Amino acid sequence: MPKVSPSQRKRISRIRRRAIVAVREAYEKGLISAKRADLLLYLSADEQAKELATILADRETRERTAHLAAETINAYLASHSDKVDLLELGRQIRAVIA
């Protein structure tokens, strides 16, 4: 187990005491950092839930976009074994994530 600094220990304690259940669970599952969870504590319970939903939706969008880009790169490379046109590859990636 990694060493935890005193300030990190305090942050984790605050999360356990004051975070709404959804924020605490998101932190425990590794979906948000301790710092981000701690920042949410200064919002009302309703605002914590709303901001957490936004954070998780943004994370999901980034993951989906990265997956689409990776699939496009893999497909392009599989069909172009001789020469890679990075401009064309970039165009294809932008098209698929738009």
PDB file of N, CA and C in Angstrom:
ATOM      1  N   MET A   1       0.843  -1.176   0.000  1.00  0.00           N
ATOM      2  CA  MET A   1       0.000   0.000   0.000  1.00  0.00           C
ATOM      3  C   MET A   1       0.896   1.250   0.000  1.00  0.00           C
ATOM      4  N   PRO A   2       0.607   2.216  -0.888  1.00  0.00           N
ATOM      5  CA  PRO A   2       1.449   3.413  -0.939  1.00  0.00           C
ATOM      6  C   PRO A   2       1.320   4.251   0.325  1.00  0.00           C
ATOM      7  N   LYS A   3       2.399   4.952   0.615  1.00  0.00           N
ATOM      8  CA  LYS A   3       2.401   5.842   1.774  1.00  0.00           C
ATOM      9  C   LYS A   3       1.467   7.011   1.517  1.00  0.00           C
ATOM     10  N   VAL A   4       0.719   7.388   2.537  1.00  0.00           N
ATOM     11  CA  VAL A   4      -0.228   8.497   2.423  1.00  0.00           C
ATOM     12  C   VAL A   4       0.269   9.637   3.297  1.00  0.00           C
ATOM     13  N   SER A   5       0.347  10.821   2.705  1.00  0.00           N
ATOM     14  CA  SER A   5       0.809  11.994   3.450  1.00  0.00           C
ATOM     15  C   SER A   5      -0.263  12.424   4.454  1.00  0.00           C
ATOM     16  N   PRO A   6       0.120  13.192   5.454  1.00  0.00           N
ATOM     17  CA  PRO A   6      -0.865  13.680   6.421  1.00  0.00           C
ATOM     18  C   PRO A   6      -1.988  14.493   5.755  1.00  0.00           C
ATOM     19  N   SER A   7      -1.653  15.307   4.764  1.00  0.00           N
ATOM     20  CA  SER A   7      -2.697  16.091   4.100  1.00  0.00           C
ATOM     21  C   SER A   7      -3.636  15.187   3.302  1.00  0.00           C
ATOM     22  N   GLN A   8      -3.093  14.143   2.701  1.00  0.00           N
ATOM     23  CA  GLN A   8      -3.931  13.186   1.972  1.00  0.00           C
ATOM     24  C   GLN A   8      -4.834  12.430   2.940  1.00  0.00           C
ATOM     25  N   ARG A   9      -4.308  12.085   4.109  1.00  0.00           N
ATOM     26  CA  ARG A   9      -5.098  11.395   5.131  1.00  0.00           C
ATOM     27  C   ARG A   9      -6.272  12.275   5.570  1.00  0.00           C
ATOM     28  N   LYS A  10      -6.017  13.579   5.744  1.00  0.00           N
ATOM     29  CA  LYS A  10      -7.084  14.510   6.131  1.00  0.00           C
ATOM     30  C   LYS A  10      -8.136  14.607   5.033  1.00  0.00           C
ATOM     31  N   ARG A  11      -7.672  14.670   3.797  1.00  0.00           N
ATOM     32  CA  ARG A  11      -8.593  14.757   2.661  1.00  0.00           C
ATOM     33  C   ARG A  11      -9.503  13.531   2.614  1.00  0.00           C
ATOM     34  N   ILE A  12      -8.915  12.362   2.760  1.00  0.00           N
ATOM     35  CA  ILE A  12      -9.688  11.118   2.729  1.00  0.00           C
ATOM     36  C   ILE A  12     -10.676  11.081   3.886  1.00  0.00           C
ATOM     37  N   SER A  13     -10.269  11.536   5.052  1.00  0.00           N
ATOM     38  CA  SER A  13     -11.156  11.593   6.209  1.00  0.00           C
ATOM     39  C   SER A  13     -12.346  12.515   5.935  1.00  0.00           C
ATOM     40  N   ARG A  14     -12.075  13.676   5.329  1.00  0.00           N
ATOM     41  CA  ARG A  14     -13.173  14.603   4.988  1.00  0.00           C
ATOM     42  C   ARG A  14     -14.146  13.958   4.009  1.00  0.00           C
ATOM     43  N   ILE A  15     -13.607  13.241   3.029  1.00  0.00           N
ATOM     44  CA  ILE A  15     -14.464  12.580   2.041  1.00  0.00           C
ATOM     45  C   ILE A  15     -15.372  11.577   2.742  1.00  0.00           C
ATOM     46  N   ARG A  16     -14.811  10.786   3.624  1.00  0.00           N
ATOM     47  CA  ARG A  16     -15.609   9.775   4.333  1.00  0.00           C
ATOM     48  C   ARG A  16     -16.691  10.396   5.207  1.00  0.00           C
ATOM     49  N   ARG A  17     -16.390  11.551   5.798  1.00  0.00           N
ATOM     50  CA  ARG A  17     -17.340  12.189   6.710  1.00  0.00           C
ATOM     51  C   ARG A  17     -18.398  13.020   6.006  1.00  0.00           C
ATOM     52  N   ARG A  18     -18.000  13.761   4.959  1.00  0.00           N
ATOM     53  CA  ARG A  18     -18.887  14.789   4.445  1.00  0.00           C
ATOM     54  C   ARG A  18     -19.418  14.577   3.034  1.00  0.00           C
ATOM     55  N   ALA A  19     -18.843  13.662   2.284  1.00  0.00           N
ATOM     56  CA  ALA A  19     -19.292  13.485   0.899  1.00  0.00           C
ATOM     57  C   ALA A  19     -20.623  12.757   0.849  1.00  0.00           C
ATOM     58  N   ILE A  20     -21.413  13.085  -0.165  1.00  0.00           N
ATOM     59  CA  ILE A  20     -22.626  12.304  -0.383  1.00  0.00           C
ATOM     60  C   ILE A  20     -22.193  10.911  -0.821  1.00  0.00           C
ATOM     61  N   VAL A  21     -23.083   9.954  -0.713  1.00  0.00           N
ATOM     62  CA  VAL A  21     -22.751   8.560  -1.003  1.00  0.00           C
ATOM     63  C   VAL A  21     -22.192   8.409  -2.420  1.00  0.00           C
ATOM     64  N   ALA A  22     -22.783   9.060  -3.390  1.00  0.00           N
ATOM     65  CA  ALA A  22     -22.341   8.914  -4.780  1.00  0.00           C
ATOM     66  C   ALA A  22     -20.905   9.398  -4.962  1.00  0.00           C
ATOM     67  N   VAL A  23     -20.541  10.498  -4.323  1.00  0.00           N
ATOM     68  CA  VAL A  23     -19.169  11.013  -4.418  1.00  0.00           C
ATOM     69  C   VAL A  23     -18.208  10.045  -3.735  1.00  0.00           C
ATOM     70  N   ARG A  24     -18.587   9.580  -2.560  1.00  0.00           N
ATOM     71  CA  ARG A  24     -17.731   8.638  -1.825  1.00  0.00           C
ATOM     72  C   ARG A  24     -17.517   7.364  -2.650  1.00  0.00           C
ATOM     73  N   GLU A  25     -18.577   6.846  -3.268  1.00  0.00           N
ATOM     74  CA  GLU A  25     -18.459   5.636  -4.077  1.00  0.00           C
ATOM     75  C   GLU A  25     -17.609   5.876  -5.323  1.00  0.00           C
ATOM     76  N   ALA A  26     -17.783   7.028  -5.968  1.00  0.00           N
ATOM     77  CA  ALA A  26     -16.981   7.348  -7.156  1.00  0.00           C
ATOM     78  C   ALA A  26     -15.505   7.412  -6.792  1.00  0.00           C
ATOM     79  N   TYR A  27     -15.201   7.999  -5.635  1.00  0.00           N
ATOM     80  CA  TYR A  27     -13.812   8.057  -5.172  1.00  0.00           C
ATOM     81  C   TYR A  27     -13.283   6.645  -4.886  1.00  0.00           C
ATOM     82  N   GLU A  28     -14.047   5.857  -4.162  1.00  0.00           N
ATOM     83  CA  GLU A  28     -13.605   4.507  -3.781  1.00  0.00           C
ATOM     84  C   GLU A  28     -13.411   3.608  -4.998  1.00  0.00           C
ATOM     85  N   LYS A  29     -14.188   3.829  -6.059  1.00  0.00           N
ATOM     86  CA  LYS A  29     -14.056   3.041  -7.290  1.00  0.00           C
ATOM     87  C   LYS A  29     -12.952   3.577  -8.203  1.00  0.00           C
ATOM     88  N   GLY A  30     -12.351   4.698  -7.822  1.00  0.00           N
ATOM     89  CA  GLY A  30     -11.282   5.266  -8.628  1.00  0.00           C
ATOM     90  C   GLY A  30     -11.775   6.088  -9.811  1.00  0.00           C
ATOM     91  N   LEU A  31     -13.046   6.448  -9.811  1.00  0.00           N
ATOM     92  CA  LEU A  31     -13.600   7.233 -10.907  1.00  0.00           C
ATOM     93  C   LEU A  31     -13.241   8.714 -10.799  1.00  0.00           C
ATOM     94  N   ILE A  32     -12.990   9.171  -9.573  1.00  0.00           N
ATOM     95  CA  ILE A  32     -12.531  10.542  -9.349  1.00  0.00           C
ATOM     96  C   ILE A  32     -11.403  10.496  -8.327  1.00  0.00           C
ATOM     97  N   SER A  33     -10.560  11.491  -8.380  1.00  0.00           N
ATOM     98  CA  SER A  33      -9.433  11.554  -7.451  1.00  0.00           C
ATOM     99  C   SER A  33      -9.886  12.048  -6.083  1.00  0.00           C
ATOM    100  N   ALA A  34      -9.031  11.863  -5.100  1.00  0.00           N
ATOM    101  CA  ALA A  34      -9.322  12.366  -3.751  1.00  0.00           C
ATOM    102  C   ALA A  34      -9.426  13.889  -3.785  1.00  0.00           C
ATOM    103  N   LYS A  35      -8.563  14.520  -4.550  1.00  0.00           N
ATOM    104  CA  LYS A  35      -8.597  15.980  -4.640  1.00  0.00           C
ATOM    105  C   LYS A  35      -9.931  16.460  -5.208  1.00  0.00           C
ATOM    106  N   ARG A  36     -10.378  15.825  -6.296  1.00  0.00           N
ATOM    107  CA  ARG A  36     -11.640  16.227  -6.906  1.00  0.00           C
ATOM    108  C   ARG A  36     -12.807  15.957  -5.952  1.00  0.00           C
ATOM    109  N   ALA A  37     -12.812  14.814  -5.289  1.00  0.00           N
ATOM    110  CA  ALA A  37     -13.868  14.504  -4.330  1.00  0.00           C
ATOM    111  C   ALA A  37     -13.874  15.530  -3.202  1.00  0.00           C
ATOM    112  N   ASP A  38     -12.692  15.882  -2.736  1.00  0.00           N
ATOM    113  CA  ASP A  38     -12.572  16.866  -1.660  1.00  0.00           C
ATOM    114  C   ASP A  38     -13.121  18.223  -2.099  1.00  0.00           C
ATOM    115  N   LEU A  39     -12.857  18.623  -3.323  1.00  0.00           N
ATOM    116  CA  LEU A  39     -13.379  19.896  -3.820  1.00  0.00           C
ATOM    117  C   LEU A  39     -14.909  19.897  -3.874  1.00  0.00           C
ATOM    118  N   LEU A  40     -15.488  18.750  -4.173  1.00  0.00           N
ATOM    119  CA  LEU A  40     -16.949  18.657  -4.229  1.00  0.00           C
ATOM    120  C   LEU A  40     -17.591  18.848  -2.860  1.00  0.00           C
ATOM    121  N   LEU A  41     -16.849  18.574  -1.794  1.00  0.00           N
ATOM    122  CA  LEU A  41     -17.391  18.671  -0.438  1.00  0.00           C
ATOM    123  C   LEU A  41     -17.847  20.073  -0.074  1.00  0.00           C
ATOM    124  N   TYR A  42     -17.330  21.067  -0.771  1.00  0.00           N
ATOM    125  CA  TYR A  42     -17.659  22.448  -0.449  1.00  0.00           C
ATOM    126  C   TYR A  42     -18.935  22.908  -1.139  1.00  0.00           C
ATOM    127  N   LEU A  43     -19.589  21.981  -1.850  1.00  0.00           N
ATOM    128  CA  LEU A  43     -20.863  22.258  -2.497  1.00  0.00           C
ATOM    129  C   LEU A  43     -21.987  21.644  -1.674  1.00  0.00           C
ATOM    130  N   SER A  44     -23.207  22.108  -1.918  1.00  0.00           N
ATOM    131  CA  SER A  44     -24.365  21.489  -1.265  1.00  0.00           C
ATOM    132  C   SER A  44     -24.517  20.062  -1.793  1.00  0.00           C
ATOM    133  N   ALA A  45     -25.301  19.264  -1.121  1.00  0.00           N
ATOM    134  CA  ALA A  45     -25.507  17.872  -1.542  1.00  0.00           C
ATOM    135  C   ALA A  45     -26.041  17.807  -2.968  1.00  0.00           C
ATOM    136  N   ASP A  46     -27.016  18.668  -3.300  1.00  0.00           N
ATOM    137  CA  ASP A  46     -27.562  18.686  -4.661  1.00  0.00           C
ATOM    138  C   ASP A  46     -26.497  19.070  -5.683  1.00  0.00           C
ATOM    139  N   GLU A  47     -25.691  20.062  -5.339  1.00  0.00           N
ATOM    140  CA  GLU A  47     -24.636  20.507  -6.248  1.00  0.00           C
ATOM    141  C   GLU A  47     -23.539  19.455  -6.379  1.00  0.00           C
ATOM    142  N   GLN A  48     -23.251  18.731  -5.300  1.00  0.00           N
ATOM    143  CA  GLN A  48     -22.272  17.639  -5.372  1.00  0.00           C
ATOM    144  C   GLN A  48     -22.745  16.609  -6.399  1.00  0.00           C
ATOM    145  N   ALA A  49     -24.019  16.231  -6.299  1.00  0.00           N
ATOM    146  CA  ALA A  49     -24.570  15.219  -7.206  1.00  0.00           C
ATOM    147  C   ALA A  49     -24.543  15.715  -8.651  1.00  0.00           C
ATOM    148  N   LYS A  50     -24.921  16.954  -8.852  1.00  0.00           N
ATOM    149  CA  LYS A  50     -24.956  17.530 -10.198  1.00  0.00           C
ATOM    150  C   LYS A  50     -23.550  17.602 -10.791  1.00  0.00           C
ATOM    151  N   GLU A  51     -22.609  18.108 -10.028  1.00  0.00           N
ATOM    152  CA  GLU A  51     -21.227  18.239 -10.512  1.00  0.00           C
ATOM    153  C   GLU A  51     -20.604  16.865 -10.758  1.00  0.00           C
ATOM    154  N   LEU A  52     -20.883  15.908  -9.879  1.00  0.00           N
ATOM    155  CA  LEU A  52     -20.371  14.553 -10.074  1.00  0.00           C
ATOM    156  C   LEU A  52     -20.909  13.963 -11.375  1.00  0.00           C
ATOM    157  N   ALA A  53     -22.183  14.153 -11.646  1.00  0.00           N
ATOM    158  CA  ALA A  53     -22.772  13.647 -12.890  1.00  0.00           C
ATOM    159  C   ALA A  53     -22.070  14.252 -14.100  1.00  0.00           C
ATOM    160  N   THR A  54     -21.772  15.535 -14.039  1.00  0.00           N
ATOM    161  CA  THR A  54     -21.064  16.207 -15.130  1.00  0.00           C
ATOM    162  C   THR A  54     -19.663  15.633 -15.294  1.00  0.00           C
ATOM    163  N   ILE A  55     -18.959  15.454 -14.197  1.00  0.00           N
ATOM    164  CA  ILE A  55     -17.591  14.910 -14.226  1.00  0.00           C
ATOM    165  C   ILE A  55     -17.590  13.511 -14.832  1.00  0.00           C
ATOM    166  N   LEU A  56     -18.523  12.662 -14.398  1.00  0.00           N
ATOM    167  CA  LEU A  56     -18.563  11.289 -14.889  1.00  0.00           C
ATOM    168  C   LEU A  56     -18.979  11.231 -16.354  1.00  0.00           C
ATOM    169  N   ALA A  57     -19.888  12.116 -16.771  1.00  0.00           N
ATOM    170  CA  ALA A  57     -20.295  12.163 -18.175  1.00  0.00           C
ATOM    171  C   ALA A  57     -19.117  12.605 -19.052  1.00  0.00           C
ATOM    172  N   ASP A  58     -18.367  13.599 -18.593  1.00  0.00           N
ATOM    173  CA  ASP A  58     -17.185  14.053 -19.333  1.00  0.00           C
ATOM    174  C   ASP A  58     -16.161  12.937 -19.445  1.00  0.00           C
ATOM    175  N   ARG A  59     -15.975  12.204 -18.365  1.00  0.00           N
ATOM    176  CA  ARG A  59     -15.024  11.090 -18.372  1.00  0.00           C
ATOM    177  C   ARG A  59     -15.455  10.024 -19.383  1.00  0.00           C
ATOM    178  N   GLU A  60     -16.747   9.714 -19.384  1.00  0.00           N
ATOM    179  CA  GLU A  60     -17.271   8.713 -20.315  1.00  0.00           C
ATOM    180  C   GLU A  60     -17.082   9.167 -21.766  1.00  0.00           C
ATOM    181  N   THR A  61     -17.313  10.436 -22.031  1.00  0.00           N
ATOM    182  CA  THR A  61     -17.139  10.978 -23.379  1.00  0.00           C
ATOM    183  C   THR A  61     -15.680  10.875 -23.815  1.00  0.00           C
ATOM    184  N   ARG A  62     -14.755  11.234 -22.926  1.00  0.00           N
ATOM    185  CA  ARG A  62     -13.332  11.132 -23.249  1.00  0.00           C
ATOM    186  C   ARG A  62     -12.932   9.683 -23.534  1.00  0.00           C
ATOM    187  N   GLU A  63     -13.432   8.753 -22.729  1.00  0.00           N
ATOM    188  CA  GLU A  63     -13.097   7.341 -22.925  1.00  0.00           C
ATOM    189  C   GLU A  63     -13.661   6.825 -24.249  1.00  0.00           C
ATOM    190  N   ARG A  64     -14.898   7.217 -24.565  1.00  0.00           N
ATOM    191  CA  ARG A  64     -15.523   6.791 -25.815  1.00  0.00           C
ATOM    192  C   ARG A  64     -14.759   7.359 -27.012  1.00  0.00           C
ATOM    193  N   THR A  65     -14.368   8.623 -26.930  1.00  0.00           N
ATOM    194  CA  THR A  65     -13.617   9.269 -27.995  1.00  0.00           C
ATOM    195  C   THR A  65     -12.259   8.593 -28.200  1.00  0.00           C
ATOM    196  N   ALA A  66     -11.581   8.298 -27.114  1.00  0.00           N
ATOM    197  CA  ALA A  66     -10.279   7.627 -27.203  1.00  0.00           C
ATOM    198  C   ALA A  66     -10.433   6.248 -27.833  1.00  0.00           C
ATOM    199  N   HIS A  67     -11.496   5.548 -27.486  1.00  0.00           N
ATOM    200  CA  HIS A  67     -11.740   4.215 -28.045  1.00  0.00           C
ATOM    201  C   HIS A  67     -11.992   4.304 -29.552  1.00  0.00           C
ATOM    202  N   LEU A  68     -12.807   5.270 -29.972  1.00  0.00           N
ATOM    203  CA  LEU A  68     -13.077   5.447 -31.402  1.00  0.00           C
ATOM    204  C   LEU A  68     -11.801   5.796 -32.163  1.00  0.00           C
ATOM    205  N   ALA A  69     -10.981   6.660 -31.587  1.00  0.00           N
ATOM    206  CA  ALA A  69      -9.720   7.040 -32.229  1.00  0.00           C
ATOM    207  C   ALA A  69      -8.807   5.821 -32.360  1.00  0.00           C
ATOM    208  N   ALA A  70      -8.720   5.020 -31.303  1.00  0.00           N
ATOM    209  CA  ALA A  70      -7.873   3.818 -31.342  1.00  0.00           C
ATOM    210  C   ALA A  70      -8.360   2.828 -32.394  1.00  0.00           C
ATOM    211  N   GLU A  71      -9.674   2.638 -32.478  1.00  0.00           N
ATOM    212  CA  GLU A  71     -10.226   1.729 -33.493  1.00  0.00           C
ATOM    213  C   GLU A  71      -9.908   2.232 -34.898  1.00  0.00           C
ATOM    214  N   THR A  72     -10.025   3.540 -35.105  1.00  0.00           N
ATOM    215  CA  THR A  72      -9.734   4.125 -36.414  1.00  0.00           C
ATOM    216  C   THR A  72      -8.268   3.947 -36.775  1.00  0.00           C
ATOM    217  N   ILE A  73      -7.384   4.186 -35.826  1.00  0.00           N
ATOM    218  CA  ILE A  73      -5.944   4.006 -36.073  1.00  0.00           C
ATOM    219  C   ILE A  73      -5.642   2.560 -36.412  1.00  0.00           C
ATOM    220  N   ASN A  74      -6.196   1.639 -35.630  1.00  0.00           N
ATOM    221  CA  ASN A  74      -5.941   0.219 -35.879  1.00  0.00           C
ATOM    222  C   ASN A  74      -6.452  -0.207 -37.251  1.00  0.00           C
ATOM    223  N   ALA A  75      -7.649   0.239 -37.628  1.00  0.00           N
ATOM    224  CA  ALA A  75      -8.212  -0.113 -38.933  1.00  0.00           C
ATOM    225  C   ALA A  75      -7.363   0.471 -40.057  1.00  0.00           C
ATOM    226  N   TYR A  76      -6.932   1.709 -39.883  1.00  0.00           N
ATOM    227  CA  TYR A  76      -6.105   2.358 -40.911  1.00  0.00           C
ATOM    228  C   TYR A  76      -4.781   1.613 -41.074  1.00  0.00           C
ATOM    229  N   LEU A  77      -4.134   1.319 -39.966  1.00  0.00           N
ATOM    230  CA  LEU A  77      -2.845   0.626 -40.033  1.00  0.00           C
ATOM    231  C   LEU A  77      -2.980  -0.775 -40.621  1.00  0.00           C
ATOM    232  N   ALA A  78      -4.081  -1.439 -40.335  1.00  0.00           N
ATOM    233  CA  ALA A  78      -4.299  -2.787 -40.877  1.00  0.00           C
ATOM    234  C   ALA A  78      -4.470  -2.755 -42.394  1.00  0.00           C
ATOM    235  N   SER A  79      -5.003  -1.659 -42.917  1.00  0.00           N
ATOM    236  CA  SER A  79      -5.239  -1.584 -44.363  1.00  0.00           C
ATOM    237  C   SER A  79      -4.140  -0.841 -45.118  1.00  0.00           C
ATOM    238  N   HIS A  80      -3.158  -0.292 -44.425  1.00  0.00           N
ATOM    239  CA  HIS A  80      -2.078   0.462 -45.059  1.00  0.00           C
ATOM    240  C   HIS A  80      -0.729  -0.022 -44.520  1.00  0.00           C
ATOM    241  N   SER A  81      -0.338  -1.195 -44.913  1.00  0.00           N
ATOM    242  CA  SER A  81       0.904  -1.756 -44.378  1.00  0.00           C
ATOM    243  C   SER A  81       2.159  -1.148 -44.995  1.00  0.00           C
ATOM    244  N   ASP A  82       2.016  -0.508 -46.155  1.00  0.00           N
ATOM    245  CA  ASP A  82       3.194   0.013 -46.826  1.00  0.00           C
ATOM    246  C   ASP A  82       3.551   1.440 -46.422  1.00  0.00           C
ATOM    247  N   LYS A  83       2.604   2.340 -46.452  1.00  0.00           N
ATOM    248  CA  LYS A  83       2.897   3.756 -46.206  1.00  0.00           C
ATOM    249  C   LYS A  83       1.743   4.386 -45.423  1.00  0.00           C
ATOM    250  N   VAL A  84       2.081   5.134 -44.400  1.00  0.00           N
ATOM    251  CA  VAL A  84       1.063   5.771 -43.567  1.00  0.00           C
ATOM    252  C   VAL A  84       1.008   7.253 -43.912  1.00  0.00           C
ATOM    253  N   ASP A  85      -0.176   7.714 -44.270  1.00  0.00           N
ATOM    254  CA  ASP A  85      -0.406   9.130 -44.531  1.00  0.00           C
ATOM    255  C   ASP A  85      -1.018   9.726 -43.264  1.00  0.00           C
ATOM    256  N   LEU A  86      -0.202  10.414 -42.475  1.00  0.00           N
ATOM    257  CA  LEU A  86      -0.665  10.936 -41.190  1.00  0.00           C
ATOM    258  C   LEU A  86      -1.765  11.979 -41.344  1.00  0.00           C
ATOM    259  N   LEU A  87      -1.727  12.752 -42.428  1.00  0.00           N
ATOM    260  CA  LEU A  87      -2.799  13.733 -42.657  1.00  0.00           C
ATOM    261  C   LEU A  87      -4.138  13.024 -42.894  1.00  0.00           C
ATOM    262  N   GLU A  88      -4.103  11.970 -43.684  1.00  0.00           N
ATOM    263  CA  GLU A  88      -5.323  11.204 -43.946  1.00  0.00           C
ATOM    264  C   GLU A  88      -5.798  10.508 -42.670  1.00  0.00           C
ATOM    265  N   LEU A  89      -4.876   9.951 -41.931  1.00  0.00           N
ATOM    266  CA  LEU A  89      -5.232   9.295 -40.674  1.00  0.00           C
ATOM    267  C   LEU A  89      -5.859  10.307 -39.718  1.00  0.00           C
ATOM    268  N   GLY A  90      -5.269  11.487 -39.622  1.00  0.00           N
ATOM    269  CA  GLY A  90      -5.841  12.536 -38.777  1.00  0.00           C
ATOM    270  C   GLY A  90      -7.232  12.929 -39.210  1.00  0.00           C
ATOM    271  N   ARG A  91      -7.451  13.024 -40.513  1.00  0.00           N
ATOM    272  CA  ARG A  91      -8.776  13.362 -41.036  1.00  0.00           C
ATOM    273  C   ARG A  91      -9.797  12.293 -40.640  1.00  0.00           C
ATOM    274  N   GLN A  92      -9.401  11.038 -40.768  1.00  0.00           N
ATOM    275  CA  GLN A  92     -10.303   9.941 -40.409  1.00  0.00           C
ATOM    276  C   GLN A  92     -10.632   9.956 -38.912  1.00  0.00           C
ATOM    277  N   ILE A  93      -9.649  10.236 -38.091  1.00  0.00           N
ATOM    278  CA  ILE A  93      -9.890  10.286 -36.641  1.00  0.00           C
ATOM    279  C   ILE A  93     -10.851  11.421 -36.317  1.00  0.00           C
ATOM    280  N   ARG A  94     -10.595  12.600 -36.882  1.00  0.00           N
ATOM    281  CA  ARG A  94     -11.492  13.741 -36.623  1.00  0.00           C
ATOM    282  C   ARG A  94     -12.910  13.439 -37.079  1.00  0.00           C
ATOM    283  N   ALA A  95     -13.050  12.754 -38.204  1.00  0.00           N
ATOM    284  CA  ALA A  95     -14.379  12.428 -38.731  1.00  0.00           C
ATOM    285  C   ALA A  95     -15.125  11.478 -37.802  1.00  0.00           C
ATOM    286  N   VAL A  96     -14.430  10.497 -37.265  1.00  0.00           N
ATOM    287  CA  VAL A  96     -15.103   9.498 -36.437  1.00  0.00           C
ATOM    288  C   VAL A  96     -15.473  10.041 -35.049  1.00  0.00           C
ATOM    289  N   ILE A  97     -14.709  11.013 -34.552  1.00  0.00           N
ATOM    290  CA  ILE A  97     -15.019  11.534 -33.201  1.00  0.00           C
ATOM    291  C   ILE A  97     -15.903  12.770 -33.236  1.00  0.00           C
ATOM    292  N   ALA A  98     -16.167  13.284 -34.416  1.00  0.00           N
ATOM    293  CA  ALA A  98     -17.007  14.491 -34.532  1.00  0.00           C
ATOM    294  C   ALA A  98     -18.454  14.203 -34.205  1.00  0.00           C
TER     295      ALA A  98
END
